[in-house]
């Protein structure tokens, strides 16, 4: 069964800090608002931010594959 990924098309502006690409192992367990709130704790440390997202998804019981990329803008 093929899965169609959720895609969001938007214009970036000066207030945007990151682009987050993550698998459903993260998005099935973390709400977008929760990820946004977490992002406020990281200035430019994208590796630490990714690790936090992965840890939180695992802690919430994600049973799916978990991959994450955070691109600092």
Protein backbone atom coordinates (compact mmCIF):
# COMPACT_ATOMS: atom_id res chain seq x y z
CA UNK A 1 0.00 0.00 0.00
CA UNK A 2 1.43 3.35 -1.00
CA UNK A 3 1.22 6.27 1.38
CA UNK A 4 0.75 9.81 0.16
CA UNK A 5 2.84 12.20 2.25
CA UNK A 6 1.32 15.33 3.70
CA UNK A 7 2.68 18.32 1.87
CA UNK A 8 2.36 21.94 2.82
CA UNK A 9 3.14 24.66 0.31
CA UNK A 10 3.82 28.06 1.81
CA UNK A 11 5.90 31.15 1.27
CA UNK A 12 8.75 31.59 3.70
CA UNK A 13 9.21 34.86 5.53
CA UNK A 14 11.80 36.46 7.81
CA UNK A 15 10.15 35.00 10.94
CA UNK A 16 10.62 31.38 9.81
CA UNK A 17 13.46 29.59 11.63
CA UNK A 18 13.32 26.01 10.34
CA UNK A 19 12.04 23.63 7.76
CA UNK A 20 11.20 20.30 9.41
CA UNK A 21 11.05 17.12 7.34
CA UNK A 22 9.98 14.13 9.41
CA UNK A 23 8.37 10.75 8.95
CA UNK A 24 5.01 9.75 10.35
CA UNK A 25 6.80 8.16 13.31
CA UNK A 26 7.09 11.72 14.58
CA UNK A 27 3.93 13.32 13.17
CA UNK A 28 1.69 10.49 14.40
CA UNK A 29 2.78 11.11 17.99
CA UNK A 30 3.58 14.84 18.15
CA UNK A 31 1.16 17.62 17.29
CA UNK A 32 2.38 20.43 15.03
CA UNK A 33 1.73 22.90 17.86
CA UNK A 34 3.91 20.82 20.21
CA UNK A 35 6.75 20.77 17.68
CA UNK A 36 6.38 24.54 17.22
CA UNK A 37 6.55 25.09 20.99
CA UNK A 38 9.64 22.88 21.22
CA UNK A 39 11.32 24.83 18.41
CA UNK A 40 11.39 27.93 20.61
CA UNK A 41 14.02 26.22 22.80
CA UNK A 42 16.59 25.85 20.02
CA UNK A 43 18.37 28.72 18.31
CA UNK A 44 20.45 27.06 15.63
CA UNK A 45 21.20 23.65 17.13
CA UNK A 46 19.26 21.58 14.63
CA UNK A 47 20.91 18.30 15.65
CA UNK A 48 19.74 18.71 19.25
CA UNK A 49 16.26 19.73 18.06
CA UNK A 50 16.04 16.59 15.87
CA UNK A 51 17.20 14.41 18.74
CA UNK A 52 14.55 15.93 21.00
CA UNK A 53 11.79 15.29 18.45
CA UNK A 54 12.93 11.68 18.02
CA UNK A 55 13.18 11.13 21.78
CA UNK A 56 9.73 12.59 22.43
CA UNK A 57 8.15 10.48 19.67
CA UNK A 58 9.76 7.33 21.09
CA UNK A 59 8.73 8.28 24.62
CA UNK A 60 5.12 8.67 23.44
CA UNK A 61 5.24 5.14 22.05
CA UNK A 62 5.78 5.63 18.32
CA UNK A 63 5.89 2.21 16.68
CA UNK A 64 6.69 3.53 13.20
CA UNK A 65 10.00 4.47 11.63
CA UNK A 66 11.31 7.76 12.97
CA UNK A 67 13.43 10.05 10.79
CA UNK A 68 13.88 13.77 11.10
CA UNK A 69 15.67 16.58 9.30
CA UNK A 70 15.62 20.14 10.60
CA UNK A 71 16.96 22.73 8.22
CA UNK A 72 18.04 26.01 9.76
CA UNK A 73 16.95 28.98 7.63
